[in-house]
C-alpha atoms as a PDB file:
ATOM      1  CA  MET A   1      12.518  -7.948  18.945  1.00  0.00           C
ATOM      2  CA  GLN A   2       9.163  -8.899  20.501  1.00  0.00           C
ATOM      3  CA  THR A   3       7.403 -11.753  18.710  1.00  0.00           C
ATOM      4  CA  THR A   4       4.135 -13.640  18.604  1.00  0.00           C
ATOM      5  CA  ALA A   5       4.682 -16.733  16.553  1.00  0.00           C
ATOM      6  CA  SER A   6       2.727 -17.541  13.427  1.00  0.00           C
ATOM      7  CA  THR A   7       4.073 -18.068   9.941  1.00  0.00           C
ATOM      8  CA  LYS A   8       1.114 -19.809   8.324  1.00  0.00           C
ATOM      9  CA  ALA A   9      -0.248 -17.976   5.296  1.00  0.00           C
ATOM     10  CA  PRO A  10      -3.785 -16.671   5.892  1.00  0.00           C
ATOM     11  CA  LYS A  11      -7.017 -17.283   4.088  1.00  0.00           C
ATOM     12  CA  ALA A  12      -8.601 -14.180   2.604  1.00  0.00           C
ATOM     13  CA  GLY A  13     -10.953 -12.599   5.129  1.00  0.00           C
ATOM     14  CA  ALA A  14      -9.690 -14.764   7.995  1.00  0.00           C
ATOM     15  CA  ALA A  15      -9.303 -13.692  11.625  1.00  0.00           C
ATOM     16  CA  PRO A  16      -6.610 -11.143  12.553  1.00  0.00           C
ATOM     17  CA  LEU A  17      -3.088 -12.422  12.001  1.00  0.00           C
ATOM     18  CA  SER A  18      -0.525 -12.941  14.728  1.00  0.00           C
ATOM     19  CA  ARG A  19       2.074 -10.217  14.516  1.00  0.00           C
ATOM     20  CA  LYS A  20       5.730  -9.752  15.286  1.00  0.00           C
ATOM     21  CA  THR A  21       7.063  -6.355  16.340  1.00  0.00           C
ATOM     22  CA  SER A  22      10.300  -4.864  15.058  1.00  0.00           C
ATOM     23  CA  ALA A  23      12.796  -3.046  17.247  1.00  0.00           C
ATOM     24  CA  SER A  24      11.389   0.347  16.238  1.00  0.00           C
ATOM     25  CA  GLY A  25       7.769  -0.623  16.867  1.00  0.00           C
ATOM     26  CA  ALA A  26       6.497  -1.733  13.449  1.00  0.00           C
ATOM     27  CA  ALA A  27       4.072  -4.655  13.567  1.00  0.00           C
ATOM     28  CA  TYR A  28       4.298  -7.174  10.745  1.00  0.00           C
ATOM     29  CA  PHE A  29       3.320 -10.662   9.597  1.00  0.00           C
ATOM     30  CA  GLU A  30       5.807 -12.882   7.817  1.00  0.00           C
ATOM     31  CA  ALA A  31       5.279 -16.102   5.873  1.00  0.00           C
ATOM     32  CA  GLY A  32       7.221 -18.148   3.329  1.00  0.00           C
ATOM     33  CA  THR A  33      10.844 -18.246   2.227  1.00  0.00           C
ATOM     34  CA  GLY A  34      12.787 -16.985  -0.764  1.00  0.00           C
ATOM     35  CA  GLU A  35      13.174 -13.566  -2.334  1.00  0.00           C
ATOM     36  CA  THR A  36      11.638 -10.873  -0.096  1.00  0.00           C
ATOM     37  CA  LEU A  37       8.332  -9.203  -0.988  1.00  0.00           C
ATOM     38  CA  ILE A  38       7.151  -6.414   1.339  1.00  0.00           C
ATOM     39  CA  LEU A  39       3.499  -5.291   1.299  1.00  0.00           C
ATOM     40  CA  ILE A  40       2.374  -1.877   2.634  1.00  0.00           C
ATOM     41  CA  HIS A  41      -1.369  -1.193   2.998  1.00  0.00           C
ATOM     42  CA  GLY A  42      -3.280   2.090   2.706  1.00  0.00           C
ATOM     43  CA  VAL A  43      -4.773   4.602   5.141  1.00  0.00           C
ATOM     44  CA  GLY A  44      -7.349   3.123   7.501  1.00  0.00           C
ATOM     45  CA  MET A  45      -6.438  -0.449   6.623  1.00  0.00           C
ATOM     46  CA  ARG A  46      -4.187  -3.039   8.243  1.00  0.00           C
ATOM     47  CA  LEU A  47      -1.900  -5.774   7.017  1.00  0.00           C
ATOM     48  CA  GLU A  48      -4.811  -8.245   6.735  1.00  0.00           C
ATOM     49  CA  ALA A  49      -5.890  -6.261   3.664  1.00  0.00           C
ATOM     50  CA  TRP A  50      -3.160  -8.171   1.800  1.00  0.00           C
ATOM     51  CA  ALA A  51      -4.509 -11.612   2.749  1.00  0.00           C
ATOM     52  CA  PRO A  52      -5.036 -12.832  -0.864  1.00  0.00           C
ATOM     53  CA  GLN A  53      -1.519 -11.765  -1.816  1.00  0.00           C
ATOM     54  CA  ILE A  54       0.074 -13.253   1.306  1.00  0.00           C
ATOM     55  CA  GLU A  55      -1.663 -16.547   0.634  1.00  0.00           C
ATOM     56  CA  ALA A  56      -0.587 -16.652  -3.006  1.00  0.00           C
ATOM     57  CA  PHE A  57       2.993 -15.414  -2.838  1.00  0.00           C
ATOM     58  CA  SER A  58       4.166 -16.953   0.452  1.00  0.00           C
ATOM     59  CA  LYS A  59       4.320 -20.257  -1.406  1.00  0.00           C
ATOM     60  CA  THR A  60       7.380 -19.051  -3.326  1.00  0.00           C
ATOM     61  CA  TYR A  61       8.518 -15.811  -1.638  1.00  0.00           C
ATOM     62  CA  ARG A  62       9.357 -14.499   1.797  1.00  0.00           C
ATOM     63  CA  VAL A  63       6.329 -12.238   2.207  1.00  0.00           C
ATOM     64  CA  ILE A  64       6.296  -9.516   4.861  1.00  0.00           C
ATOM     65  CA  ALA A  65       3.120  -7.470   5.327  1.00  0.00           C
ATOM     66  CA  VAL A  66       3.601  -4.507   7.642  1.00  0.00           C
ATOM     67  CA  ASP A  67       1.129  -2.306   9.523  1.00  0.00           C
ATOM     68  CA  MET A  68       1.582   1.342   8.615  1.00  0.00           C
ATOM     69  CA  PRO A  69       2.362   3.647  11.593  1.00  0.00           C
ATOM     70  CA  GLY A  70      -0.668   4.169  13.809  1.00  0.00           C
ATOM     71  CA  HIS A  71      -2.484   1.233  12.190  1.00  0.00           C
ATOM     72  CA  GLY A  72      -2.911  -2.344  13.366  1.00  0.00           C
ATOM     73  CA  GLY A  73      -0.185  -3.008  15.905  1.00  0.00           C
ATOM     74  CA  SER A  74       2.365  -0.404  14.753  1.00  0.00           C
ATOM     75  CA  GLU A  75       3.343   2.568  16.879  1.00  0.00           C
ATOM     76  CA  LYS A  76       2.260   6.022  15.717  1.00  0.00           C
ATOM     77  CA  LEU A  77       4.366   8.717  14.163  1.00  0.00           C
ATOM     78  CA  SER A  78       3.990  12.170  15.660  1.00  0.00           C
ATOM     79  CA  ALA A  79       1.139  14.413  14.497  1.00  0.00           C
ATOM     80  CA  GLY A  80       2.211  16.515  11.536  1.00  0.00           C
ATOM     81  CA  SER A  81       4.411  13.800  10.048  1.00  0.00           C
ATOM     82  CA  THR A  82       4.700  14.050   6.275  1.00  0.00           C
ATOM     83  CA  LEU A  83       5.215  11.457   3.565  1.00  0.00           C
ATOM     84  CA  PRO A  84       9.041  11.586   3.879  1.00  0.00           C
ATOM     85  CA  ASP A  85       8.621  10.741   7.589  1.00  0.00           C
ATOM     86  CA  PHE A  86       6.665   7.622   6.592  1.00  0.00           C
ATOM     87  CA  VAL A  87       9.376   6.738   4.060  1.00  0.00           C
ATOM     88  CA  ALA A  88      12.030   7.167   6.767  1.00  0.00           C
ATOM     89  CA  TRP A  89       9.930   4.899   9.020  1.00  0.00           C
ATOM     90  CA  PHE A  90      10.039   2.283   6.267  1.00  0.00           C
ATOM     91  CA  GLY A  91      13.817   2.636   6.029  1.00  0.00           C
ATOM     92  CA  ARG A  92      14.063   1.937   9.758  1.00  0.00           C
ATOM     93  CA  PHE A  93      11.900  -1.131   9.264  1.00  0.00           C
ATOM     94  CA  LEU A  94      14.273  -2.420   6.591  1.00  0.00           C
ATOM     95  CA  ASP A  95      17.137  -1.897   9.034  1.00  0.00           C
ATOM     96  CA  ASP A  96      15.236  -3.631  11.853  1.00  0.00           C
ATOM     97  CA  MET A  97      14.650  -6.647   9.600  1.00  0.00           C
ATOM     98  CA  ASN A  98      18.221  -6.578   8.216  1.00  0.00           C
ATOM     99  CA  ILE A  99      16.780  -6.495   4.691  1.00  0.00           C
ATOM    100  CA  LYS A 100      19.391  -5.488   2.148  1.00  0.00           C
ATOM    101  CA  ARG A 101      17.149  -5.632  -0.929  1.00  0.00           C
ATOM    102  CA  ALA A 102      13.448  -6.311  -1.462  1.00  0.00           C
ATOM    103  CA  ASN A 103      10.513  -6.113  -3.803  1.00  0.00           C
ATOM    104  CA  ILE A 104       8.175  -3.440  -2.439  1.00  0.00           C
ATOM    105  CA  ALA A 105       4.455  -3.263  -3.212  1.00  0.00           C
ATOM    106  CA  GLY A 106       2.195  -0.598  -1.747  1.00  0.00           C
ATOM    107  CA  HIS A 107      -1.491   0.175  -2.011  1.00  0.00           C
ATOM    108  CA  SER A 108      -2.867   3.753  -1.908  1.00  0.00           C
ATOM    109  CA  MET A 109      -0.908   5.515   0.898  1.00  0.00           C
ATOM    110  CA  GLY A 110       1.282   2.420   0.896  1.00  0.00           C
ATOM    111  CA  ALA A 111       1.949   3.080  -2.790  1.00  0.00           C
ATOM    112  CA  LEU A 112       3.172   6.575  -1.956  1.00  0.00           C
ATOM    113  CA  ILE A 113       5.510   5.026   0.628  1.00  0.00           C
ATOM    114  CA  SER A 114       6.726   2.395  -1.837  1.00  0.00           C
ATOM    115  CA  GLY A 115       7.423   5.053  -4.463  1.00  0.00           C
ATOM    116  CA  GLY A 116       9.246   7.176  -1.916  1.00  0.00           C
ATOM    117  CA  ALA A 117      11.243   4.132  -0.847  1.00  0.00           C
ATOM    118  CA  ALA A 118      12.239   3.381  -4.446  1.00  0.00           C
ATOM    119  CA  ALA A 119      13.435   6.974  -4.804  1.00  0.00           C
ATOM    120  CA  THR A 120      15.203   7.123  -1.438  1.00  0.00           C
ATOM    121  CA  TYR A 121      16.550   3.573  -1.113  1.00  0.00           C
ATOM    122  CA  ALA A 122      17.218   2.697  -4.743  1.00  0.00           C
ATOM    123  CA  ASP A 123      19.952   0.205  -3.905  1.00  0.00           C
ATOM    124  CA  ARG A 124      17.558  -1.650  -1.578  1.00  0.00           C
ATOM    125  CA  THR A 125      14.613  -1.752  -4.000  1.00  0.00           C
ATOM    126  CA  ALA A 126      14.634  -4.641  -6.460  1.00  0.00           C
ATOM    127  CA  ARG A 127      11.197  -3.830  -7.896  1.00  0.00           C
ATOM    128  CA  VAL A 128       8.399  -1.434  -6.959  1.00  0.00           C
ATOM    129  CA  ALA A 129       4.639  -1.926  -7.421  1.00  0.00           C
ATOM    130  CA  TYR A 130       2.367   1.092  -7.105  1.00  0.00           C
ATOM    131  CA  LEU A 131      -1.211  -0.136  -6.605  1.00  0.00           C
ATOM    132  CA  ASN A 132      -4.044   2.410  -6.733  1.00  0.00           C
ATOM    133  CA  GLY A 133      -1.609   5.229  -6.046  1.00  0.00           C
ATOM    134  CA  VAL A 134      -2.091   8.914  -6.759  1.00  0.00           C
ATOM    135  CA  TYR A 135       0.020  11.238  -8.884  1.00  0.00           C
ATOM    136  CA  ARG A 136      -0.380  15.010  -9.185  1.00  0.00           C
ATOM    137  CA  ARG A 137      -4.087  15.331  -8.357  1.00  0.00           C
ATOM    138  CA  ASP A 138      -6.029  17.949 -10.298  1.00  0.00           C
ATOM    139  CA  PRO A 139      -7.139  21.036  -8.314  1.00  0.00           C
ATOM    140  CA  ALA A 140     -10.636  19.719  -7.573  1.00  0.00           C
ATOM    141  CA  ALA A 141      -9.375  16.338  -6.338  1.00  0.00           C
ATOM    142  CA  LYS A 142      -6.643  18.044  -4.318  1.00  0.00           C
ATOM    143  CA  ALA A 143      -9.139  20.350  -2.617  1.00  0.00           C
ATOM    144  CA  ALA A 144     -11.460  17.450  -1.828  1.00  0.00           C
ATOM    145  CA  VAL A 145      -8.799  15.262  -0.226  1.00  0.00           C
ATOM    146  CA  LEU A 146      -7.388  18.168   1.783  1.00  0.00           C
ATOM    147  CA  ALA A 147     -10.889  18.947   3.054  1.00  0.00           C
ATOM    148  CA  ARG A 148     -11.374  15.320   4.101  1.00  0.00           C
ATOM    149  CA  ALA A 149      -8.041  15.389   5.920  1.00  0.00           C
ATOM    150  CA  ALA A 150      -8.954  18.584   7.793  1.00  0.00           C
ATOM    151  CA  ALA A 151     -12.329  17.160   8.828  1.00  0.00           C
ATOM    152  CA  ILE A 152     -10.836  14.139  10.602  1.00  0.00           C
ATOM    153  CA  ARG A 153      -9.641  16.173  13.588  1.00  0.00           C
ATOM    154  CA  THR A 154     -13.147  17.484  14.259  1.00  0.00           C
ATOM    155  CA  SER A 155     -15.457  14.782  12.857  1.00  0.00           C
ATOM    156  CA  GLY A 156     -13.427  11.613  13.412  1.00  0.00           C
ATOM    157  CA  VAL A 157     -12.925   8.706  11.032  1.00  0.00           C
ATOM    158  CA  ASP A 158     -15.385   8.672   8.146  1.00  0.00           C
ATOM    159  CA  THR A 159     -16.280   5.024   7.574  1.00  0.00           C
ATOM    160  CA  GLN A 160     -18.955   5.597   4.947  1.00  0.00           C
ATOM    161  CA  GLY A 161     -17.258   7.926   2.453  1.00  0.00           C
ATOM    162  CA  PRO A 162     -14.392   5.561   1.613  1.00  0.00           C
ATOM    163  CA  LEU A 163     -16.807   2.685   1.062  1.00  0.00           C
ATOM    164  CA  LEU A 164     -18.765   4.751  -1.453  1.00  0.00           C
ATOM    165  CA  ARG A 165     -15.597   5.783  -3.286  1.00  0.00           C
ATOM    166  CA  TRP A 166     -13.782   2.461  -3.118  1.00  0.00           C
ATOM    167  CA  PHE A 167     -16.489  -0.065  -4.054  1.00  0.00           C
ATOM    168  CA  GLY A 168     -19.176  -0.609  -6.633  1.00  0.00           C
ATOM    169  CA  ASP A 169     -22.482  -2.350  -5.934  1.00  0.00           C
ATOM    170  CA  ASP A 170     -21.506  -5.643  -7.510  1.00  0.00           C
ATOM    171  CA  PRO A 171     -21.901  -8.800  -5.383  1.00  0.00           C
ATOM    172  CA  GLN A 172     -18.198  -9.710  -5.657  1.00  0.00           C
ATOM    173  CA  SER A 173     -17.297  -6.542  -3.738  1.00  0.00           C
ATOM    174  CA  GLN A 174     -19.615  -7.251  -0.807  1.00  0.00           C
ATOM    175  CA  ARG A 175     -17.182  -9.284   1.302  1.00  0.00           C
ATOM    176  CA  ALA A 176     -14.318  -6.853   0.690  1.00  0.00           C
ATOM    177  CA  ARG A 177     -16.603  -3.927   1.554  1.00  0.00           C
ATOM    178  CA  GLU A 178     -17.572  -5.440   4.894  1.00  0.00           C
ATOM    179  CA  LEU A 179     -13.963  -6.247   5.769  1.00  0.00           C
ATOM    180  CA  THR A 180     -12.947  -2.704   4.882  1.00  0.00           C
ATOM    181  CA  ARG A 181     -15.750  -1.261   6.995  1.00  0.00           C
ATOM    182  CA  ALA A 182     -14.560  -3.301   9.987  1.00  0.00           C
ATOM    183  CA  TRP A 183     -10.957  -2.187   9.538  1.00  0.00           C
ATOM    184  CA  LEU A 184     -11.968   1.469   9.304  1.00  0.00           C
ATOM    185  CA  GLU A 185     -13.981   1.103  12.502  1.00  0.00           C
ATOM    186  CA  MET A 186     -10.947  -0.401  14.271  1.00  0.00           C
ATOM    187  CA  VAL A 187      -8.364   2.196  13.243  1.00  0.00           C
ATOM    188  CA  ASP A 188      -6.772   4.497  15.808  1.00  0.00           C
ATOM    189  CA  PRO A 189      -8.189   8.001  15.097  1.00  0.00           C
ATOM    190  CA  GLU A 190      -4.902   9.825  15.772  1.00  0.00           C
ATOM    191  CA  GLY A 191      -2.863   7.426  13.669  1.00  0.00           C
ATOM    192  CA  TYR A 192      -5.446   7.687  10.906  1.00  0.00           C
ATOM    193  CA  ALA A 193      -5.474  11.490  10.987  1.00  0.00           C
ATOM    194  CA  THR A 194      -1.675  11.692  10.772  1.00  0.00           C
ATOM    195  CA  ALA A 195      -1.468   9.211   7.905  1.00  0.00           C
ATOM    196  CA  TYR A 196      -4.376  10.698   5.972  1.00  0.00           C
ATOM    197  CA  THR A 197      -2.936  14.205   6.231  1.00  0.00           C
ATOM    198  CA  ALA A 198       0.398  12.934   4.899  1.00  0.00           C
ATOM    199  CA  PHE A 199      -1.476  11.104   2.135  1.00  0.00           C
ATOM    200  CA  ALA A 200      -3.441  14.222   1.201  1.00  0.00           C
ATOM    201  CA  GLY A 201      -0.281  16.277   0.800  1.00  0.00           C
ATOM    202  CA  GLY A 202       1.936  13.582  -0.686  1.00  0.00           C
ATOM    203  CA  ASP A 203       0.831  13.252  -4.294  1.00  0.00           C
ATOM    204  CA  GLU A 204       3.652  15.462  -5.590  1.00  0.00           C
ATOM    205  CA  THR A 205       6.372  14.736  -3.025  1.00  0.00           C
ATOM    206  CA  TYR A 206       8.168  12.113  -5.127  1.00  0.00           C
ATOM    207  CA  ALA A 207       6.407  12.825  -8.436  1.00  0.00           C
ATOM    208  CA  ASP A 208       9.593  14.120 -10.082  1.00  0.00           C
ATOM    209  CA  CYS A 209      11.590  11.027  -9.107  1.00  0.00           C
ATOM    210  CA  TRP A 210      10.103   8.470 -11.506  1.00  0.00           C
ATOM    211  CA  PRO A 211      12.555   9.175 -14.363  1.00  0.00           C
ATOM    212  CA  SER A 212      15.431   8.276 -12.045  1.00  0.00           C
ATOM    213  CA  ILE A 213      13.890   5.069 -10.671  1.00  0.00           C
ATOM    214  CA  LYS A 214      15.498   2.337 -12.774  1.00  0.00           C
ATOM    215  CA  CYS A 215      14.013  -0.818 -11.244  1.00  0.00           C
ATOM    216  CA  PRO A 216      10.970  -2.589 -12.744  1.00  0.00           C
ATOM    217  CA  ALA A 217       7.946  -0.484 -11.766  1.00  0.00           C
ATOM    218  CA  LEU A 218       4.333  -1.656 -12.034  1.00  0.00           C
ATOM    219  CA  PHE A 219       1.544   0.944 -11.860  1.00  0.00           C
ATOM    220  CA  LEU A 220      -1.771  -0.820 -11.308  1.00  0.00           C
ATOM    221  CA  THR A 221      -5.275   0.480 -10.641  1.00  0.00           C
ATOM    222  CA  GLY A 222      -8.939  -0.225 -11.291  1.00  0.00           C
ATOM    223  CA  SER A 223     -10.747   1.244 -14.277  1.00  0.00           C
ATOM    224  CA  GLY A 224     -13.374   2.740 -11.965  1.00  0.00           C
ATOM    225  CA  ASP A 225     -11.084   4.188  -9.303  1.00  0.00           C
ATOM    226  CA  PRO A 226     -12.146   7.856  -9.154  1.00  0.00           C
ATOM    227  CA  ASN A 227      -9.086   9.076  -7.245  1.00  0.00           C
ATOM    228  CA  SER A 228      -6.196   6.814  -8.262  1.00  0.00           C
ATOM    229  CA  THR A 229      -7.088   6.923 -11.918  1.00  0.00           C
ATOM    230  CA  PRO A 230      -5.841   4.910 -14.897  1.00  0.00           C
ATOM    231  CA  GLU A 231      -4.523   8.182 -16.333  1.00  0.00           C
ATOM    232  CA  MET A 232      -2.309   8.651 -13.283  1.00  0.00           C
ATOM    233  CA  ALA A 233      -0.933   5.126 -13.647  1.00  0.00           C
ATOM    234  CA  GLU A 234      -0.213   5.695 -17.329  1.00  0.00           C
ATOM    235  CA  GLN A 235       1.511   9.027 -16.656  1.00  0.00           C
ATOM    236  CA  MET A 236       3.864   7.522 -14.071  1.00  0.00           C
ATOM    237  CA  ALA A 237       4.579   4.483 -16.233  1.00  0.00           C
ATOM    238  CA  SER A 238       5.540   6.740 -19.124  1.00  0.00           C
ATOM    239  CA  LEU A 239       8.122   8.475 -16.914  1.00  0.00           C
ATOM    240  CA  ALA A 240       9.745   5.431 -15.275  1.00  0.00           C
ATOM    241  CA  PRO A 241      12.467   3.905 -17.508  1.00  0.00           C
ATOM    242  CA  ASN A 242      11.286   0.368 -16.683  1.00  0.00           C
ATOM    243  CA  GLY A 243       7.667   1.168 -15.921  1.00  0.00           C
ATOM    244  CA  TRP A 244       4.390  -0.141 -17.258  1.00  0.00           C
ATOM    245  CA  SER A 245       0.731   0.317 -16.324  1.00  0.00           C
ATOM    246  CA  ARG A 246      -2.034  -2.245 -15.903  1.00  0.00           C
ATOM    247  CA  VAL A 247      -5.725  -1.470 -15.402  1.00  0.00           C
ATOM    248  CA  VAL A 248      -8.185  -4.010 -13.967  1.00  0.00           C
ATOM    249  CA  ASP A 249     -11.453  -3.414 -15.749  1.00  0.00           C
ATOM    250  CA  GLY A 250     -14.643  -3.056 -13.723  1.00  0.00           C
ATOM    251  CA  HIS A 251     -12.974  -2.528 -10.339  1.00  0.00           C
ATOM    252  CA  ARG A 252     -12.277   0.446  -8.099  1.00  0.00           C
ATOM    253  CA  HIS A 253      -9.848   1.258  -5.292  1.00  0.00           C
ATOM    254  CA  MET A 254      -9.591  -2.002  -3.312  1.00  0.00           C
ATOM    255  CA  VAL A 255      -8.733  -3.965  -6.409  1.00  0.00           C
ATOM    256  CA  ASN A 256      -6.374  -6.362  -4.627  1.00  0.00           C
ATOM    257  CA  LEU A 257      -9.379  -7.585  -2.594  1.00  0.00           C
ATOM    258  CA  THR A 258     -12.132  -7.376  -5.213  1.00  0.00           C
ATOM    259  CA  ALA A 259     -10.080  -8.901  -8.065  1.00  0.00           C
ATOM    260  CA  PRO A 260      -7.349 -10.864  -6.241  1.00  0.00           C
ATOM    261  CA  ASP A 261      -6.710 -13.432  -8.984  1.00  0.00           C
ATOM    262  CA  LYS A 262      -6.188 -10.745 -11.626  1.00  0.00           C
ATOM    263  CA  VAL A 263      -4.019  -8.644  -9.334  1.00  0.00           C
ATOM    264  CA  ASN A 264      -1.948 -11.639  -8.275  1.00  0.00           C
ATOM    265  CA  ALA A 265      -1.332 -12.543 -11.921  1.00  0.00           C
ATOM    266  CA  LEU A 266      -0.133  -8.994 -12.619  1.00  0.00           C
ATOM    267  CA  LEU A 267       2.084  -9.027  -9.540  1.00  0.00           C
ATOM    268  CA  ALA A 268       3.534 -12.360 -10.642  1.00  0.00           C
ATOM    269  CA  GLU A 269       4.330 -10.798 -14.027  1.00  0.00           C
ATOM    270  CA  TRP A 270       6.040  -7.908 -12.226  1.00  0.00           C
ATOM    271  CA  LEU A 271       8.058 -10.210  -9.993  1.00  0.00           C
ATOM    272  CA  SER A 272       9.284 -12.157 -13.019  1.00  0.00           C
ATOM    273  CA  CYS A 273      10.796  -9.068 -14.672  1.00  0.00           C
ATOM    274  CA  THR A 274      14.450  -8.118 -14.556  1.00  0.00           C
ATOM    275  CA  GLU A 275      15.820  -4.613 -15.072  1.00  0.00           C
ATOM    276  CA  GLU A 276      17.098  -5.615 -18.485  1.00  0.00           C
ATOM    277  CA  LEU A 277      13.747  -7.004 -19.664  1.00  0.00           C
ATOM    278  CA  ALA A 278      11.280  -4.596 -18.057  1.00  0.00           C
END
């Protein structure tokens, strides 16, 4: 395993974090000790997008934030890879890290991976958190996201559209918006295209699995998220035996960056739940 040493928890919005690389080519940052919490970011982002959560939870947990394939320092998956391929990649990462059981939190595309992991690796998933994740898009939303995915191969990475969808005009979102813009500008176009295409087609892949996922399951989104809506969160929570939804009022898609204190409190609530009490 190739390493670059750094285990100090970051400050939100700080410089890029030193990464370690797993045997199968996944780049990650690790800080803290205790029960394991794995964080998976969304399309176009990188593990630094979890900086407020790393800083908060590494005080009491072993926190591992991982770059999705083709993002940050992680190796790409082949073009045409689907959501199950990303879930299989995550399973290899668990094996690389010799992780027998973990809490898994994902945002956006990372949420789809975390849900797929909970369905596929139930015995290795202690809890699952599904932040700003999609579920059975309506026909109009489905057509729009598929069109955006198809356009990447010809037009490249759209850095403006996500900012318009993901953020409001409030001052508290300004810093998060600028960080997000920078990350989108840094992303590898091929890795982005592969991940976004899998994201566009993945909203129903594991949709039927929630009734069989027994672990505590948090479904969290912002009240103003136009794509990962509160209704989606409520629908999934109603299906999961130990599921519940939380909506952060006045925020959109990048809620873990624009409302970190509220999100961290909800994640702490999730991490405190047992299967019997959820």
